[in-house]
Amino acid sequence: HLPGGVPLHWMKDWGTPFPLSVASAKGAEVT
């Protein structure tokens, strides 16, 4: 239901084969 699997098309611009999903983010780190 989300084109490209993302809620905003810019989120496809990482150059990855598919989007990387974030489980959590805190401080200067993303898991």
PDB file of all heavy atoms in Angstrom:
ATOM      1  N   HIS A   1       0.792  -1.224   0.000  1.00  0.00           N
ATOM      2  CA  HIS A   1       0.000   0.000   0.000  1.00  0.00           C
ATOM      3  C   HIS A   1       0.829   1.282   0.000  1.00  0.00           C
ATOM      4  O   HIS A   1       0.272   2.361  -0.191  1.00  0.00           O
ATOM      5  CB  HIS A   1      -0.945   0.017   1.211  1.00  0.00           C
ATOM      6  CG  HIS A   1      -1.900  -1.131   1.245  1.00  0.00           C
ATOM      7  ND1 HIS A   1      -2.921  -1.286   0.328  1.00  0.00           N
ATOM      8  CD2 HIS A   1      -1.971  -2.207   2.067  1.00  0.00           C
ATOM      9  CE1 HIS A   1      -3.601  -2.389   0.587  1.00  0.00           C
ATOM     10  NE2 HIS A   1      -3.028  -2.971   1.636  1.00  0.00           N
ATOM     11  N   LEU A   2       2.143   1.158   0.203  1.00  0.00           N
ATOM     12  CA  LEU A   2       3.031   2.316   0.153  1.00  0.00           C
ATOM     13  C   LEU A   2       3.956   2.158  -1.041  1.00  0.00           C
ATOM     14  O   LEU A   2       4.763   1.221  -1.079  1.00  0.00           O
ATOM     15  CB  LEU A   2       3.864   2.425   1.442  1.00  0.00           C
ATOM     16  CG  LEU A   2       3.090   2.488   2.770  1.00  0.00           C
ATOM     17  CD1 LEU A   2       4.073   2.529   3.943  1.00  0.00           C
ATOM     18  CD2 LEU A   2       2.175   3.696   2.805  1.00  0.00           C
ATOM     19  N   PRO A   3       3.868   3.017  -2.044  1.00  0.00           N
ATOM     20  CA  PRO A   3       4.731   2.877  -3.223  1.00  0.00           C
ATOM     21  C   PRO A   3       6.204   2.796  -2.837  1.00  0.00           C
ATOM     22  O   PRO A   3       6.711   3.648  -2.097  1.00  0.00           O
ATOM     23  CB  PRO A   3       4.438   4.151  -4.029  1.00  0.00           C
ATOM     24  CG  PRO A   3       3.048   4.524  -3.632  1.00  0.00           C
ATOM     25  CD  PRO A   3       2.937   4.158  -2.176  1.00  0.00           C
ATOM     26  N   GLY A   4       6.873   1.740  -3.301  1.00  0.00           N
ATOM     27  CA  GLY A   4       8.277   1.539  -2.973  1.00  0.00           C
ATOM     28  C   GLY A   4       8.507   1.087  -1.549  1.00  0.00           C
ATOM     29  O   GLY A   4       9.651   0.968  -1.106  1.00  0.00           O
ATOM     30  N   GLY A   5       7.421   0.863  -0.811  1.00  0.00           N
ATOM     31  CA  GLY A   5       7.540   0.419   0.569  1.00  0.00           C
ATOM     32  C   GLY A   5       7.882   1.520   1.555  1.00  0.00           C
ATOM     33  O   GLY A   5       8.306   1.238   2.683  1.00  0.00           O
ATOM     34  N   VAL A   6       7.667   2.775   1.165  1.00  0.00           N
ATOM     35  CA  VAL A   6       8.016   3.906   2.036  1.00  0.00           C
ATOM     36  C   VAL A   6       6.848   4.895   2.122  1.00  0.00           C
ATOM     37  O   VAL A   6       6.075   5.050   1.183  1.00  0.00           O
ATOM     38  CB  VAL A   6       9.275   4.642   1.512  1.00  0.00           C
ATOM     39  CG1 VAL A   6      10.502   3.754   1.612  1.00  0.00           C
ATOM     40  CG2 VAL A   6       9.079   5.118   0.073  1.00  0.00           C
ATOM     41  N   PRO A   7       6.727   5.617   3.250  1.00  0.00           N
ATOM     42  CA  PRO A   7       5.660   6.610   3.378  1.00  0.00           C
ATOM     43  C   PRO A   7       5.947   7.938   2.690  1.00  0.00           C
ATOM     44  O   PRO A   7       5.054   8.772   2.561  1.00  0.00           O
ATOM     45  CB  PRO A   7       5.547   6.799   4.899  1.00  0.00           C
ATOM     46  CG  PRO A   7       6.879   6.432   5.435  1.00  0.00           C
ATOM     47  CD  PRO A   7       7.411   5.364   4.525  1.00  0.00           C
ATOM     48  N   LEU A   8       7.169   8.148   2.265  1.00  0.00           N
ATOM     49  CA  LEU A   8       7.554   9.343   1.512  1.00  0.00           C
ATOM     50  C   LEU A   8       8.577   8.921   0.469  1.00  0.00           C
ATOM     51  O   LEU A   8       9.546   8.233   0.806  1.00  0.00           O
ATOM     52  CB  LEU A   8       8.163  10.402   2.441  1.00  0.00           C
ATOM     53  CG  LEU A   8       8.743  11.655   1.764  1.00  0.00           C
ATOM     54  CD1 LEU A   8       7.636  12.482   1.125  1.00  0.00           C
ATOM     55  CD2 LEU A   8       9.532  12.504   2.761  1.00  0.00           C
ATOM     56  N   HIS A   9       8.382   9.341  -0.791  1.00  0.00           N
ATOM     57  CA  HIS A   9       9.206   8.795  -1.880  1.00  0.00           C
ATOM     58  C   HIS A   9      10.691   9.078  -1.708  1.00  0.00           C
ATOM     59  O   HIS A   9      11.534   8.324  -2.180  1.00  0.00           O
ATOM     60  CB  HIS A   9       8.714   9.312  -3.242  1.00  0.00           C
ATOM     61  CG  HIS A   9       8.987  10.770  -3.490  1.00  0.00           C
ATOM     62  ND1 HIS A   9       8.148  11.769  -3.049  1.00  0.00           N
ATOM     63  CD2 HIS A   9      10.003  11.393  -4.127  1.00  0.00           C
ATOM     64  CE1 HIS A   9       8.633  12.945  -3.409  1.00  0.00           C
ATOM     65  NE2 HIS A   9       9.748  12.752  -4.062  1.00  0.00           N
ATOM     66  N   TRP A  10      11.066  10.165  -1.002  1.00  0.00           N
ATOM     67  CA  TRP A  10      12.483  10.452  -0.776  1.00  0.00           C
ATOM     68  C   TRP A  10      13.174   9.344   0.000  1.00  0.00           C
ATOM     69  O   TRP A  10      14.395   9.202  -0.067  1.00  0.00           O
ATOM     70  CB  TRP A  10      12.642  11.761  -0.013  1.00  0.00           C
ATOM     71  CG  TRP A  10      12.511  12.985  -0.841  1.00  0.00           C
ATOM     72  CD1 TRP A  10      12.254  13.053  -2.190  1.00  0.00           C
ATOM     73  CD2 TRP A  10      12.639  14.336  -0.393  1.00  0.00           C
ATOM     74  NE1 TRP A  10      12.200  14.351  -2.603  1.00  0.00           N
ATOM     75  CE2 TRP A  10      12.433  15.165  -1.518  1.00  0.00           C
ATOM     76  CE3 TRP A  10      12.885  14.911   0.837  1.00  0.00           C
ATOM     77  CZ2 TRP A  10      12.472  16.551  -1.439  1.00  0.00           C
ATOM     78  CZ3 TRP A  10      12.935  16.297   0.917  1.00  0.00           C
ATOM     79  CH2 TRP A  10      12.732  17.098  -0.211  1.00  0.00           C
ATOM     80  N   MET A  11      12.414   8.579   0.759  1.00  0.00           N
ATOM     81  CA  MET A  11      13.020   7.520   1.561  1.00  0.00           C
ATOM     82  C   MET A  11      13.573   6.382   0.708  1.00  0.00           C
ATOM     83  O   MET A  11      14.221   5.478   1.235  1.00  0.00           O
ATOM     84  CB  MET A  11      12.006   6.984   2.576  1.00  0.00           C
ATOM     85  CG  MET A  11      11.616   7.991   3.630  1.00  0.00           C
ATOM     86  SD  MET A  11      10.417   7.296   4.803  1.00  0.00           S
ATOM     87  CE  MET A  11      10.142   8.706   5.886  1.00  0.00           C
ATOM     88  N   LYS A  12      13.343   6.443  -0.595  1.00  0.00           N
ATOM     89  CA  LYS A  12      13.930   5.459  -1.515  1.00  0.00           C
ATOM     90  C   LYS A  12      15.298   5.904  -2.023  1.00  0.00           C
ATOM     91  O   LYS A  12      15.956   5.152  -2.752  1.00  0.00           O
ATOM     92  CB  LYS A  12      13.009   5.227  -2.720  1.00  0.00           C
ATOM     93  CG  LYS A  12      11.652   4.644  -2.381  1.00  0.00           C
ATOM     94  CD  LYS A  12      10.855   4.317  -3.629  1.00  0.00           C
ATOM     95  CE  LYS A  12      10.539   5.566  -4.427  1.00  0.00           C
ATOM     96  NZ  LYS A  12       9.699   5.279  -5.627  1.00  0.00           N
ATOM     97  N   ASP A  13      15.722   7.095  -1.660  1.00  0.00           N
ATOM     98  CA  ASP A  13      16.921   7.683  -2.259  1.00  0.00           C
ATOM     99  C   ASP A  13      18.231   7.296  -1.574  1.00  0.00           C
ATOM    100  O   ASP A  13      19.248   7.942  -1.784  1.00  0.00           O
ATOM    101  CB  ASP A  13      16.793   9.219  -2.268  1.00  0.00           C
ATOM    102  CG  ASP A  13      15.780   9.713  -3.276  1.00  0.00           C
ATOM    103  OD1 ASP A  13      15.280   8.884  -4.054  1.00  0.00           O
ATOM    104  OD2 ASP A  13      15.481  10.923  -3.278  1.00  0.00           O
ATOM    105  N   TRP A  14      18.210   6.242  -0.780  1.00  0.00           N
ATOM    106  CA  TRP A  14      19.438   5.814  -0.115  1.00  0.00           C
ATOM    107  C   TRP A  14      20.324   4.964  -1.017  1.00  0.00           C
ATOM    108  O   TRP A  14      21.448   4.634  -0.653  1.00  0.00           O
ATOM    109  CB  TRP A  14      19.105   5.012   1.150  1.00  0.00           C
ATOM    110  CG  TRP A  14      18.530   5.864   2.228  1.00  0.00           C
ATOM    111  CD1 TRP A  14      17.213   6.175   2.426  1.00  0.00           C
ATOM    112  CD2 TRP A  14      19.253   6.548   3.256  1.00  0.00           C
ATOM    113  NE1 TRP A  14      17.077   7.007   3.514  1.00  0.00           N
ATOM    114  CE2 TRP A  14      18.314   7.249   4.047  1.00  0.00           C
ATOM    115  CE3 TRP A  14      20.603   6.624   3.593  1.00  0.00           C
ATOM    116  CZ2 TRP A  14      18.691   8.021   5.147  1.00  0.00           C
ATOM    117  CZ3 TRP A  14      20.964   7.393   4.688  1.00  0.00           C
ATOM    118  CH2 TRP A  14      20.022   8.076   5.450  1.00  0.00           C
ATOM    119  N   GLY A  15      19.830   4.584  -2.180  1.00  0.00           N
ATOM    120  CA  GLY A  15      20.638   3.767  -3.088  1.00  0.00           C
ATOM    121  C   GLY A  15      20.763   2.329  -2.648  1.00  0.00           C
ATOM    122  O   GLY A  15      21.667   1.606  -3.095  1.00  0.00           O
ATOM    123  N   THR A  16      19.867   1.877  -1.771  1.00  0.00           N
ATOM    124  CA  THR A  16      19.880   0.499  -1.290  1.00  0.00           C
ATOM    125  C   THR A  16      18.926  -0.359  -2.121  1.00  0.00           C
ATOM    126  O   THR A  16      17.977   0.168  -2.715  1.00  0.00           O
ATOM    127  CB  THR A  16      19.450   0.445   0.186  1.00  0.00           C
ATOM    128  OG1 THR A  16      18.175   1.099   0.340  1.00  0.00           O
ATOM    129  CG2 THR A  16      20.468   1.144   1.064  1.00  0.00           C
ATOM    130  N   PRO A  17      19.130  -1.669  -2.164  1.00  0.00           N
ATOM    131  CA  PRO A  17      18.232  -2.524  -2.952  1.00  0.00           C
ATOM    132  C   PRO A  17      16.781  -2.467  -2.474  1.00  0.00           C
ATOM    133  O   PRO A  17      15.858  -2.673  -3.256  1.00  0.00           O
ATOM    134  CB  PRO A  17      18.822  -3.927  -2.746  1.00  0.00           C
ATOM    135  CG  PRO A  17      20.264  -3.682  -2.422  1.00  0.00           C
ATOM    136  CD  PRO A  17      20.274  -2.419  -1.637  1.00  0.00           C
ATOM    137  N   PHE A  18      16.579  -2.203  -1.193  1.00  0.00           N
ATOM    138  CA  PHE A  18      15.251  -2.011  -0.611  1.00  0.00           C
ATOM    139  C   PHE A  18      15.435  -1.118   0.608  1.00  0.00           C
ATOM    140  O   PHE A  18      16.553  -0.967   1.120  1.00  0.00           O
ATOM    141  CB  PHE A  18      14.613  -3.355  -0.217  1.00  0.00           C
ATOM    142  CG  PHE A  18      15.530  -4.293   0.509  1.00  0.00           C
ATOM    143  CD1 PHE A  18      15.752  -4.178   1.880  1.00  0.00           C
ATOM    144  CD2 PHE A  18      16.213  -5.293  -0.184  1.00  0.00           C
ATOM    145  CE1 PHE A  18      16.619  -5.027   2.543  1.00  0.00           C
ATOM    146  CE2 PHE A  18      17.089  -6.154   0.478  1.00  0.00           C
ATOM    147  CZ  PHE A  18      17.287  -6.021   1.843  1.00  0.00           C
ATOM    148  N   PRO A  19      14.374  -0.482   1.088  1.00  0.00           N
ATOM    149  CA  PRO A  19      14.527   0.443   2.216  1.00  0.00           C
ATOM    150  C   PRO A  19      14.992  -0.265   3.484  1.00  0.00           C
ATOM    151  O   PRO A  19      14.590  -1.394   3.764  1.00  0.00           O
ATOM    152  CB  PRO A  19      13.111   1.013   2.403  1.00  0.00           C
ATOM    153  CG  PRO A  19      12.436   0.803   1.097  1.00  0.00           C
ATOM    154  CD  PRO A  19      13.006  -0.462   0.533  1.00  0.00           C
ATOM    155  N   LEU A  20      15.825   0.427   4.247  1.00  0.00           N
ATOM    156  CA  LEU A  20      16.258  -0.053   5.545  1.00  0.00           C
ATOM    157  C   LEU A  20      15.249   0.453   6.581  1.00  0.00           C
ATOM    158  O   LEU A  20      15.008   1.653   6.673  1.00  0.00           O
ATOM    159  CB  LEU A  20      17.652   0.474   5.867  1.00  0.00           C
ATOM    160  CG  LEU A  20      18.363  -0.121   7.079  1.00  0.00           C
ATOM    161  CD1 LEU A  20      18.795  -1.563   6.782  1.00  0.00           C
ATOM    162  CD2 LEU A  20      19.581   0.729   7.448  1.00  0.00           C
ATOM    163  N   SER A  21      14.654  -0.452   7.343  1.00  0.00           N
ATOM    164  CA  SER A  21      13.651  -0.065   8.333  1.00  0.00           C
ATOM    165  C   SER A  21      14.309   0.200   9.686  1.00  0.00           C
ATOM    166  O   SER A  21      15.187  -0.551  10.118  1.00  0.00           O
ATOM    167  CB  SER A  21      12.596  -1.164   8.487  1.00  0.00           C
ATOM    168  OG  SER A  21      11.802  -1.250   7.321  1.00  0.00           O
ATOM    169  N   VAL A  22      13.851   1.252  10.351  1.00  0.00           N
ATOM    170  CA  VAL A  22      14.387   1.643  11.651  1.00  0.00           C
ATOM    171  C   VAL A  22      13.531   1.035  12.755  1.00  0.00           C
ATOM    172  O   VAL A  22      12.305   1.198  12.765  1.00  0.00           O
ATOM    173  CB  VAL A  22      14.411   3.174  11.793  1.00  0.00           C
ATOM    174  CG1 VAL A  22      14.858   3.584  13.191  1.00  0.00           C
ATOM    175  CG2 VAL A  22      15.320   3.793  10.739  1.00  0.00           C
ATOM    176  N   ALA A  23      14.177   0.356  13.684  1.00  0.00           N
ATOM    177  CA  ALA A  23      13.480  -0.172  14.859  1.00  0.00           C
ATOM    178  C   ALA A  23      13.467   0.850  15.982  1.00  0.00           C
ATOM    179  O   ALA A  23      12.472   0.990  16.701  1.00  0.00           O
ATOM    180  CB  ALA A  23      14.138  -1.467  15.334  1.00  0.00           C
ATOM    181  N   SER A  24      14.572   1.583  16.134  1.00  0.00           N
ATOM    182  CA  SER A  24      14.647   2.618  17.166  1.00  0.00           C
ATOM    183  C   SER A  24      15.795   3.561  16.839  1.00  0.00           C
ATOM    184  O   SER A  24      16.705   3.218  16.085  1.00  0.00           O
ATOM    185  CB  SER A  24      14.850   1.998  18.556  1.00  0.00           C
ATOM    186  OG  SER A  24      16.103   1.347  18.635  1.00  0.00           O
ATOM    187  N   ALA A  25      15.730   4.747  17.434  1.00  0.00           N
ATOM    188  CA  ALA A  25      16.803   5.731  17.273  1.00  0.00           C
ATOM    189  C   ALA A  25      16.951   6.492  18.575  1.00  0.00           C
ATOM    190  O   ALA A  25      15.955   6.957  19.146  1.00  0.00           O
ATOM    191  CB  ALA A  25      16.489   6.689  16.124  1.00  0.00           C
ATOM    192  N   LYS A  26      18.172   6.616  19.041  1.00  0.00           N
ATOM    193  CA  LYS A  26      18.430   7.312  20.293  1.00  0.00           C
ATOM    194  C   LYS A  26      19.805   7.950  20.224  1.00  0.00           C
ATOM    195  O   LYS A  26      20.781   7.300  19.825  1.00  0.00           O
ATOM    196  CB  LYS A  26      18.367   6.330  21.471  1.00  0.00           C
ATOM    197  CG  LYS A  26      18.594   6.984  22.818  1.00  0.00           C
ATOM    198  CD  LYS A  26      17.496   7.997  23.161  1.00  0.00           C
ATOM    199  CE  LYS A  26      17.713   8.622  24.533  1.00  0.00           C
ATOM    200  NZ  LYS A  26      16.744   9.708  24.799  1.00  0.00           N
ATOM    201  N   GLY A  27      19.880   9.203  20.622  1.00  0.00           N
ATOM    202  CA  GLY A  27      21.154   9.901  20.607  1.00  0.00           C
ATOM    203  C   GLY A  27      21.708   9.998  19.199  1.00  0.00           C
ATOM    204  O   GLY A  27      21.064  10.531  18.302  1.00  0.00           O
ATOM    205  N   ALA A  28      22.908   9.478  18.991  1.00  0.00           N
ATOM    206  CA  ALA A  28      23.553   9.523  17.673  1.00  0.00           C
ATOM    207  C   ALA A  28      23.592   8.146  17.028  1.00  0.00           C
ATOM    208  O   ALA A  28      24.443   7.887  16.176  1.00  0.00           O
ATOM    209  CB  ALA A  28      24.961  10.080  17.793  1.00  0.00           C
ATOM    210  N   GLU A  29      22.652   7.275  17.414  1.00  0.00           N
ATOM    211  CA  GLU A  29      22.636   5.915  16.867  1.00  0.00           C
ATOM    212  C   GLU A  29      21.234   5.514  16.423  1.00  0.00           C
ATOM    213  O   GLU A  29      20.240   5.919  17.027  1.00  0.00           O
ATOM    214  CB  GLU A  29      23.155   4.913  17.899  1.00  0.00           C
ATOM    215  CG  GLU A  29      24.620   5.117  18.242  1.00  0.00           C
ATOM    216  CD  GLU A  29      25.148   4.117  19.257  1.00  0.00           C
ATOM    217  OE1 GLU A  29      24.326   3.517  19.996  1.00  0.00           O
ATOM    218  OE2 GLU A  29      26.382   3.942  19.323  1.00  0.00           O
ATOM    219  N   VAL A  30      21.206   4.716  15.367  1.00  0.00           N
ATOM    220  CA  VAL A  30      19.969   4.137  14.848  1.00  0.00           C
ATOM    221  C   VAL A  30      20.114   2.625  14.870  1.00  0.00           C
ATOM    222  O   VAL A  30      21.144   2.088  14.446  1.00  0.00           O
ATOM    223  CB  VAL A  30      19.703   4.612  13.399  1.00  0.00           C
ATOM    224  CG1 VAL A  30      18.591   3.792  12.739  1.00  0.00           C
ATOM    225  CG2 VAL A  30      19.344   6.091  13.379  1.00  0.00           C
ATOM    226  N   THR A  31      19.109   1.939  15.367  1.00  0.00           N
ATOM    227  CA  THR A  31      19.088   0.479  15.327  1.00  0.00           C
ATOM    228  C   THR A  31      18.086   0.048  14.269  1.00  0.00           C
ATOM    229  O   THR A  31      16.922   0.452  14.315  1.00  0.00           O
ATOM    230  CB  THR A  31      18.684  -0.117  16.687  1.00  0.00           C
ATOM    231  OG1 THR A  31      19.603   0.333  17.682  1.00  0.00           O
ATOM    232  CG2 THR A  31      18.704  -1.643  16.640  1.00  0.00           C
TER     233      THR A  31
END
